Amino acid sequence: MLGDSLTGVRVVDFTQVAAGPVCTHMLADLGANVIKIEAPQGELGRALAPFVEGQSLAFLALNGNKRSVALDLKDPPQREAALQLAAGADVVVESFRPGVMQRLGLGYEDVRQRNAGVIYCSVSAYGQESAWRHKPGVDGVLQAVSGLMSVTGLPDAPPCKVQVPIVDMVTGYTAAIGVLGALARRARDGAGQWIDSGMFASAIALQEASFAAYFAEGVAPARIGSAAPYAAPNEAVRCSDGWIMLAAYHPARWEALCDVLDCRALLSDPRFLDLSGRIAHRQELVALLEERMVLRSRSDWLQRFEGVDIICAPINDYAEAAASPVFAGGHLAETVQHPVAGDLTLACTPLRAVGEVPRTRRPAPLVGEHTCEVLREAGIPLAGPREQWLARKGKTPCR
């Protein structure tokens, strides 16, 4: 099964909030043994709203299949325990600002001295070698500085970000891909590697085609709402009771659209004779299409369009998306039992093979829930005041 692809791979996770945890979440979903190291009060992602029974839903969504070890990295014995865990790992992933792990004695070179084959992945805002490497950054800021916000939204509206943390997510995905590539290389030649996964670089990669057009033409793209700059019609269109995303720009589908809408005169209109013309006269074209579209319901048009192989879909809200047959049939959500938050419905991993239904092996951990268990497994002595090793006040002491 795809979900046990990384069985036997040990990952020590020093990440927090979103981008780094997405990376280690992907590795955990592939079967890796992910040990999350966090401060005794918990990592920053645990403070993100909304909450269920005091538990952050964002944290719960991004940290399933992991175990938590609570250590104070400013305390020498506990820092040494963290270094021993890292030295025994196949993969270390961290998401502090560049230089922090080195100052703690937990950087790549520190770990490599004890484990030459370690794969060490650093997730940061601007990368380890960037002129801006010491600047902090979060998803919205990276959407802004990378140009993504400049092309999101309507032409005359204020700047707008993608509502979901898309830069965090894609950075986590690219970091995980880098780790998988490094594991494959190590299997071939035994060499470890330091992977540099920056949010800025990932945000640029999201816009690869658009930057190619910019470099070729020298013109920065403008905000055009739901439309695609390279094709028309390829945008949201209004029906009598809602909206449809319509992609009918290939010649055969453009002709089929005009037939279904009973407006074949558009085929000979000088403004719309070819794709370039339809793009240049997009506003007039959409207005003419919507004159016909508002006469019928969304479901009616979807049935008619699909009948002639026009690419389209309803513009759903979350309730409609979750109720759709493709959501249920794709096993894209599952109920997870959490010891504090109770039964939770969470989105499943997209990683799967044909015929495989992925399941979360364990819910996101409580702070330090597995401290004693993991340290005992690693043979690390539980020295120092008892309170330093406890994940939460009142937890049973390690023995």
Protein backbone atom coordinates (compact mmCIF):
# COMPACT_ATOMS: atom_id res chain seq x y z
CA MET A 1 0.00 0.00 0.00
CA LEU A 2 1.11 3.56 -0.65
CA GLY A 3 0.45 4.35 3.01
CA ASP A 4 3.26 2.07 4.14
CA SER A 5 5.80 3.20 1.53
CA LEU A 6 8.03 4.85 4.14
CA THR A 7 7.64 2.23 6.88
CA GLY A 8 10.94 2.08 8.73
CA VAL A 9 11.89 5.67 7.88
CA ARG A 10 12.37 7.72 11.05
CA VAL A 11 11.63 11.47 10.84
CA VAL A 12 12.38 13.97 13.61
CA ASP A 13 10.16 16.99 13.14
CA PHE A 14 11.12 20.42 14.55
CA THR A 15 8.47 22.26 12.48
CA GLN A 16 5.61 24.50 13.51
CA VAL A 17 2.48 26.26 12.18
CA ALA A 18 1.81 25.07 8.59
CA ALA A 19 4.44 24.71 5.85
CA GLY A 20 6.79 22.44 7.79
CA PRO A 21 4.00 20.38 9.40
CA VAL A 22 2.47 19.82 5.94
CA CYS A 23 5.78 18.29 4.82
CA THR A 24 6.03 15.94 7.79
CA HIS A 25 2.31 15.16 7.57
CA MET A 26 2.82 13.93 4.02
CA LEU A 27 5.74 11.77 5.15
CA ALA A 28 3.68 10.40 8.05
CA ASP A 29 0.80 9.60 5.70
CA LEU A 30 3.28 7.56 3.63
CA GLY A 31 4.10 5.50 6.70
CA ALA A 32 7.13 7.27 8.17
CA ASN A 33 7.62 7.24 11.93
CA VAL A 34 7.37 10.99 12.60
CA ILE A 35 8.44 12.28 16.01
CA LYS A 36 7.36 15.87 16.57
CA ILE A 37 9.61 17.86 18.90
CA GLU A 38 7.85 20.84 20.45
CA ALA A 39 8.22 23.16 23.38
CA PRO A 40 6.55 22.12 26.66
CA GLN A 41 3.80 24.68 25.99
CA GLY A 42 3.30 23.33 22.48
CA GLU A 43 4.23 24.65 19.04
CA LEU A 44 2.80 27.90 17.65
CA GLY A 45 0.28 26.10 15.43
CA ARG A 46 -1.65 24.98 18.50
CA ALA A 47 -2.69 28.62 19.04
CA LEU A 48 -4.43 28.99 15.65
CA ALA A 49 -8.24 29.40 15.66
CA PRO A 50 -10.80 27.90 15.44
CA PHE A 51 -10.79 25.53 18.41
CA VAL A 52 -12.74 22.47 19.52
CA GLU A 53 -12.48 21.78 23.25
CA GLY A 54 -9.42 24.01 23.33
CA GLN A 55 -7.71 22.12 20.50
CA SER A 56 -6.73 24.00 17.32
CA LEU A 57 -8.45 22.52 14.27
CA ALA A 58 -5.59 23.69 12.07
CA PHE A 59 -3.12 21.79 14.24
CA LEU A 60 -5.34 18.71 14.30
CA ALA A 61 -5.62 18.75 10.51
CA LEU A 62 -1.88 18.96 9.84
CA ASN A 63 -0.39 16.71 12.51
CA GLY A 64 -2.10 13.36 12.32
CA ASN A 65 0.02 10.18 12.34
CA LYS A 66 2.73 11.88 14.44
CA ARG A 67 3.98 11.42 17.99
CA SER A 68 4.81 14.41 20.19
CA VAL A 69 7.87 14.83 22.41
CA ALA A 70 7.98 17.96 24.57
CA LEU A 71 11.51 19.30 25.15
CA ASP A 72 12.88 22.66 26.20
CA LEU A 73 15.63 23.20 23.64
CA LYS A 74 17.20 25.94 25.80
CA ASP A 75 17.88 23.43 28.54
CA PRO A 76 21.19 21.58 27.88
CA PRO A 77 20.14 18.04 28.89
CA GLN A 78 16.90 18.28 26.93
CA ARG A 79 18.70 19.83 23.94
CA GLU A 80 21.14 16.91 24.03
CA ALA A 81 18.17 14.52 24.02
CA ALA A 82 16.82 16.28 20.93
CA LEU A 83 20.22 16.00 19.24
CA GLN A 84 20.36 12.29 20.02
CA LEU A 85 16.92 11.81 18.49
CA ALA A 86 17.97 13.77 15.40
CA ALA A 87 21.20 11.80 15.12
CA GLY A 88 19.20 8.57 15.09
CA ALA A 89 16.84 9.76 12.35
CA ASP A 90 16.77 9.17 8.62
CA VAL A 91 15.22 12.61 8.09
CA VAL A 92 15.18 15.83 10.12
CA VAL A 93 12.78 18.63 9.16
CA GLU A 94 12.86 22.08 10.80
CA SER A 95 11.11 25.37 10.10
CA PHE A 96 12.86 27.93 12.29
CA ARG A 97 14.33 31.11 10.87
CA PRO A 98 17.75 30.39 9.28
CA GLY A 99 20.47 30.25 11.92
CA VAL A 100 18.27 29.33 14.89
CA MET A 101 18.95 25.60 14.77
CA GLN A 102 22.68 26.24 14.35
CA ARG A 103 22.71 28.48 17.44
CA LEU A 104 20.98 25.72 19.37
CA GLY A 105 23.57 23.18 18.26
CA LEU A 106 20.96 21.30 16.23
CA GLY A 107 21.87 22.47 12.72
CA TYR A 108 22.74 20.29 9.75
CA GLU A 109 26.46 20.11 10.53
CA ASP A 110 25.75 19.27 14.19
CA VAL A 111 23.53 16.36 13.21
CA ARG A 112 25.74 15.27 10.29
CA GLN A 113 28.73 14.87 12.63
CA ARG A 114 26.80 12.08 14.34
CA ASN A 115 24.90 10.80 11.30
CA ALA A 116 26.63 11.36 7.95
CA GLY A 117 23.70 10.02 5.95
CA VAL A 118 21.04 12.24 7.50
CA ILE A 119 18.63 14.05 5.20
CA TYR A 120 18.06 17.46 6.75
CA CYS A 121 15.28 19.66 5.36
CA SER A 122 15.04 23.34 6.33
CA VAL A 123 11.75 25.10 5.62
CA SER A 124 11.85 28.90 5.82
CA ALA A 125 10.31 32.01 4.33
CA TYR A 126 13.07 33.00 1.91
CA GLY A 127 15.57 30.13 1.94
CA GLN A 128 18.89 29.48 3.63
CA GLU A 129 21.06 31.42 1.16
CA SER A 130 18.73 34.30 0.29
CA ALA A 131 19.54 37.96 0.90
CA TRP A 132 16.30 37.97 2.92
CA ARG A 133 17.03 34.75 4.82
CA HIS A 134 16.73 36.42 8.22
CA LYS A 135 13.30 37.95 7.49
CA PRO A 136 10.24 36.27 8.97
CA GLY A 137 7.33 35.40 6.73
CA VAL A 138 3.85 33.90 6.81
CA ASP A 139 1.53 32.73 4.05
CA GLY A 140 -0.19 36.06 3.35
CA VAL A 141 3.07 37.99 3.32
CA LEU A 142 4.57 35.49 0.87
CA GLN A 143 1.49 35.71 -1.34
CA ALA A 144 2.07 39.45 -1.42
CA VAL A 145 5.82 39.61 -2.04
CA SER A 146 5.83 36.81 -4.64
CA GLY A 147 3.36 38.60 -6.91
CA LEU A 148 0.56 36.11 -6.31
CA MET A 149 -1.67 38.68 -4.64
CA SER A 150 -1.24 41.02 -7.61
CA VAL A 151 -3.07 38.57 -9.88
CA THR A 152 -5.76 37.45 -7.42
CA GLY A 153 -9.16 39.15 -7.32
CA LEU A 154 -11.15 41.57 -9.44
CA PRO A 155 -9.58 44.38 -11.53
CA ASP A 156 -10.89 47.34 -9.54
CA ALA A 157 -10.92 45.71 -6.11
CA PRO A 158 -8.26 45.96 -3.38
CA PRO A 159 -5.47 43.37 -3.35
CA CYS A 160 -6.78 39.94 -2.43
CA LYS A 161 -5.08 36.79 -1.15
CA VAL A 162 -6.03 33.22 -1.85
CA GLN A 163 -8.18 32.41 1.18
CA VAL A 164 -6.53 29.07 1.97
CA PRO A 165 -2.82 29.13 2.95
CA ILE A 166 -1.73 28.05 -0.50
CA VAL A 167 1.95 29.02 -0.16
CA ASP A 168 2.24 27.11 3.11
CA MET A 169 0.68 24.06 1.49
CA VAL A 170 2.75 24.03 -1.69
CA THR A 171 5.94 24.64 0.31
CA GLY A 172 5.14 21.61 2.44
CA TYR A 173 4.49 19.53 -0.67
CA THR A 174 7.71 20.59 -2.39
CA ALA A 175 9.70 19.98 0.79
CA ALA A 176 8.26 16.46 0.99
CA ILE A 177 9.16 15.85 -2.66
CA GLY A 178 12.71 17.02 -1.91
CA VAL A 179 12.93 14.61 1.02
CA LEU A 180 11.68 11.72 -1.12
CA GLY A 181 14.25 12.55 -3.81
CA ALA A 182 17.02 12.67 -1.21
CA LEU A 183 15.92 9.31 0.21
CA ALA A 184 16.10 7.80 -3.28
CA ARG A 185 19.57 9.27 -3.79
CA ARG A 186 20.77 7.98 -0.43
CA ALA A 187 19.51 4.51 -1.30
CA ARG A 188 21.70 4.71 -4.41
CA ASP A 189 24.93 6.16 -3.03
CA GLY A 190 24.53 6.47 0.76
CA ALA A 191 24.92 10.24 0.79
CA GLY A 192 22.95 12.55 3.04
CA GLN A 193 21.80 16.02 1.98
CA TRP A 194 20.65 19.41 3.27
CA ILE A 195 17.44 20.45 1.52
CA ASP A 196 16.55 24.14 1.32
CA SER A 197 12.79 24.63 0.98
CA GLY A 198 11.79 28.29 0.84
CA MET A 199 8.25 29.63 0.74
CA PHE A 200 9.19 32.39 -1.68
CA ALA A 201 10.64 29.94 -4.20
CA SER A 202 7.57 27.72 -3.85
CA ALA A 203 5.24 30.68 -4.41
CA ILE A 204 7.13 31.55 -7.60
CA ALA A 205 6.86 27.94 -8.75
CA LEU A 206 3.08 28.17 -8.32
CA GLN A 207 3.15 30.90 -10.96
CA GLU A 208 5.63 29.22 -13.32
CA ALA A 209 3.59 29.66 -16.50
CA SER A 210 2.65 33.24 -15.66
CA PHE A 211 6.27 34.20 -15.03
CA ALA A 212 7.24 32.59 -18.34
CA ALA A 213 4.73 34.88 -20.07
CA TYR A 214 6.05 37.88 -18.14
CA PHE A 215 9.66 37.16 -19.08
CA ALA A 216 8.67 36.72 -22.74
CA GLU A 217 6.41 39.76 -23.04
CA GLY A 218 7.71 42.09 -20.34
CA VAL A 219 4.18 42.89 -19.19
CA ALA A 220 3.04 42.19 -15.64
CA PRO A 221 -0.33 40.40 -15.63
CA ALA A 222 -3.35 42.17 -14.19
CA ARG A 223 -6.11 40.87 -11.94
CA ILE A 224 -8.94 39.43 -14.02
CA GLY A 225 -11.09 37.67 -11.45
CA SER A 226 -12.02 34.10 -12.30
CA ALA A 227 -10.75 34.29 -15.89
CA ALA A 228 -7.67 32.57 -17.28
CA PRO A 229 -5.33 34.99 -19.09
CA TYR A 230 -4.51 32.42 -21.77
CA ALA A 231 -8.03 31.41 -22.87
CA ALA A 232 -11.63 32.55 -23.31
CA PRO A 233 -14.28 31.66 -22.49
CA ASN A 234 -12.65 30.17 -19.40
CA GLU A 235 -14.25 31.83 -16.39
CA ALA A 236 -17.24 32.03 -14.10
CA VAL A 237 -20.55 32.71 -15.82
CA ARG A 238 -23.88 33.55 -14.21
CA CYS A 239 -26.99 31.39 -14.48
CA SER A 240 -30.49 32.14 -13.18
CA ASP A 241 -29.71 30.61 -9.77
CA GLY A 242 -25.96 30.48 -9.40
CA TRP A 243 -22.63 30.28 -11.17
CA ILE A 244 -20.79 27.84 -13.41
CA MET A 245 -17.09 27.67 -14.21
CA LEU A 246 -16.97 27.25 -17.95
CA ALA A 247 -13.98 26.22 -20.10
CA ALA A 248 -15.02 26.22 -23.76
CA TYR A 249 -12.02 27.74 -25.50
CA HIS A 250 -10.91 24.85 -27.71
CA PRO A 251 -12.38 25.37 -31.20
CA ALA A 252 -14.71 22.35 -31.11
CA ARG A 253 -16.01 23.24 -27.64
CA TRP A 254 -16.39 26.91 -28.56
CA GLU A 255 -18.56 25.89 -31.49
CA ALA A 256 -20.53 23.44 -29.31
CA LEU A 257 -21.14 26.20 -26.76
CA CYS A 258 -22.55 28.51 -29.42
CA ASP A 259 -24.83 25.68 -30.58
CA VAL A 260 -26.14 24.93 -27.08
CA LEU A 261 -26.73 28.62 -26.36
CA ASP A 262 -28.33 29.10 -29.79
CA CYS A 263 -25.98 31.96 -30.64
CA ARG A 264 -24.07 30.70 -33.68
CA ALA A 265 -23.78 34.28 -34.90
CA LEU A 266 -20.90 34.66 -32.45
CA LEU A 267 -18.86 32.22 -34.56
CA SER A 268 -18.68 34.75 -37.39
CA ASP A 269 -18.39 37.85 -35.20
CA PRO A 270 -15.04 39.52 -36.09
CA ARG A 271 -14.26 40.01 -32.39
CA PHE A 272 -14.44 36.31 -31.60
CA LEU A 273 -13.06 34.58 -34.70
CA ASP A 274 -10.03 33.16 -32.90
CA LEU A 275 -8.74 32.63 -29.37
CA SER A 276 -6.74 35.88 -29.34
CA GLY A 277 -9.83 37.83 -30.30
CA ARG A 278 -11.95 36.19 -27.64
CA ILE A 279 -9.31 37.00 -25.02
CA ALA A 280 -9.04 40.62 -26.20
CA HIS A 281 -12.83 41.05 -26.14
CA ARG A 282 -13.49 38.92 -23.08
CA GLN A 283 -15.86 41.34 -21.34
CA GLU A 284 -18.13 41.71 -24.36
CA LEU A 285 -18.08 37.95 -24.91
CA VAL A 286 -19.03 37.07 -21.33
CA ALA A 287 -21.83 39.65 -21.36
CA LEU A 288 -23.29 38.07 -24.51
CA LEU A 289 -23.02 34.56 -23.09
CA GLU A 290 -24.68 35.57 -19.82
CA GLU A 291 -27.63 37.09 -21.69
CA ARG A 292 -28.48 33.48 -22.60
CA MET A 293 -27.20 31.81 -19.43
CA VAL A 294 -29.44 33.75 -17.02
CA LEU A 295 -32.51 32.32 -18.76
CA ARG A 296 -31.95 28.83 -17.29
CA SER A 297 -30.82 27.24 -14.04
CA ARG A 298 -27.36 26.05 -13.20
CA SER A 299 -28.37 22.38 -13.23
CA ASP A 300 -30.07 22.78 -16.61
CA TRP A 301 -26.98 24.30 -18.22
CA LEU A 302 -24.65 21.77 -16.63
CA GLN A 303 -26.68 18.93 -18.10
CA ARG A 304 -26.75 20.55 -21.54
CA PHE A 305 -23.01 21.38 -21.54
CA GLU A 306 -21.94 17.97 -20.31
CA GLY A 307 -24.08 16.39 -23.01
CA VAL A 308 -21.78 17.86 -25.67
CA ASP A 309 -18.51 17.44 -23.71
CA ILE A 310 -18.07 21.09 -22.73
CA ILE A 311 -15.79 21.31 -19.68
CA CYS A 312 -17.71 22.86 -16.80
CA ALA A 313 -18.57 22.53 -13.13
CA PRO A 314 -20.76 24.28 -10.56
CA ILE A 315 -19.06 26.86 -8.37
CA ASN A 316 -19.67 25.16 -5.04
CA ASP A 317 -19.35 26.36 -1.50
CA TYR A 318 -17.85 23.97 1.07
CA ALA A 319 -21.23 22.44 1.93
CA GLU A 320 -21.94 21.67 -1.73
CA ALA A 321 -18.42 20.36 -2.34
CA ALA A 322 -18.60 18.03 0.68
CA ALA A 323 -22.05 16.78 -0.42
CA SER A 324 -20.95 16.03 -3.97
CA PRO A 325 -20.72 12.38 -5.08
CA VAL A 326 -17.09 12.79 -6.10
CA PHE A 327 -16.21 13.87 -2.54
CA ALA A 328 -17.97 10.94 -0.88
CA GLY A 329 -16.90 8.43 -3.51
CA GLY A 330 -13.31 9.57 -3.28
CA HIS A 331 -13.15 8.93 0.49
CA LEU A 332 -11.84 12.44 0.98
CA ALA A 333 -12.86 12.78 4.62
CA GLU A 334 -12.81 10.53 7.66
CA THR A 335 -13.84 10.59 11.29
CA VAL A 336 -10.91 10.64 13.70
CA GLN A 337 -11.25 10.09 17.44
CA HIS A 338 -9.23 12.59 19.46
CA PRO A 339 -8.85 12.13 23.24
CA VAL A 340 -9.83 15.75 24.00
CA ALA A 341 -11.67 17.13 20.95
CA GLY A 342 -13.74 13.96 20.49
CA ASP A 343 -14.92 12.70 17.10
CA LEU A 344 -13.71 14.98 14.31
CA THR A 345 -14.31 14.89 10.59
CA LEU A 346 -11.08 15.79 8.79
CA ALA A 347 -9.96 15.76 5.18
CA CYS A 348 -8.01 12.64 4.22
CA THR A 349 -4.60 12.56 2.63
CA PRO A 350 -4.67 12.85 -1.18
CA LEU A 351 -1.91 10.19 -1.30
CA ARG A 352 -3.43 6.92 -2.40
CA ALA A 353 -3.15 4.05 -4.83
CA VAL A 354 -5.96 2.64 -6.97
CA GLY A 355 -8.20 0.52 -4.77
CA GLU A 356 -6.70 1.91 -1.56
CA VAL A 357 -8.68 3.88 1.03
CA PRO A 358 -6.19 5.76 3.25
CA ARG A 359 -6.85 5.93 6.96
CA THR A 360 -5.24 8.01 9.69
CA ARG A 361 -3.38 5.67 12.02
CA ARG A 362 -3.42 8.07 14.97
CA PRO A 363 -4.92 11.52 15.64
CA ALA A 364 -2.76 14.61 16.13
CA PRO A 365 -0.97 14.24 19.46
CA LEU A 366 -1.40 16.15 22.68
CA VAL A 367 1.61 18.22 23.71
CA GLY A 368 4.35 15.80 24.71
CA GLU A 369 1.97 12.84 24.70
CA HIS A 370 4.73 10.45 23.65
CA THR A 371 7.76 11.99 25.39
CA CYS A 372 8.45 9.06 27.69
CA GLU A 373 7.66 6.46 25.05
CA VAL A 374 9.97 7.92 22.40
CA LEU A 375 12.87 8.66 24.74
CA ARG A 376 12.64 5.16 26.17
CA GLU A 377 12.65 3.65 22.65
CA ALA A 378 15.76 5.67 21.81
CA GLY A 379 17.55 4.62 24.97
CA ILE A 380 17.91 8.22 26.12
CA PRO A 381 18.22 8.51 29.93
CA LEU A 382 15.51 10.61 31.50
CA ALA A 383 17.86 12.76 33.57
CA GLY A 384 17.13 16.05 35.27
CA PRO A 385 14.16 17.30 37.26
CA ARG A 386 11.07 15.29 36.55
CA GLU A 387 9.07 18.34 35.46
CA GLN A 388 11.45 19.00 32.57
CA TRP A 389 10.45 15.74 30.93
CA LEU A 390 6.73 15.97 31.39
CA ALA A 391 4.65 17.10 28.44
CA ARG A 392 1.80 18.46 30.49
CA LYS A 393 1.24 19.22 34.15
CA GLY A 394 0.06 16.13 35.98
CA LYS A 395 1.24 13.63 33.35
CA THR A 396 2.56 10.33 34.69
CA PRO A 397 6.36 10.61 35.17
CA CYS A 398 8.65 8.75 32.85
CA ARG A 399 10.05 5.62 34.47
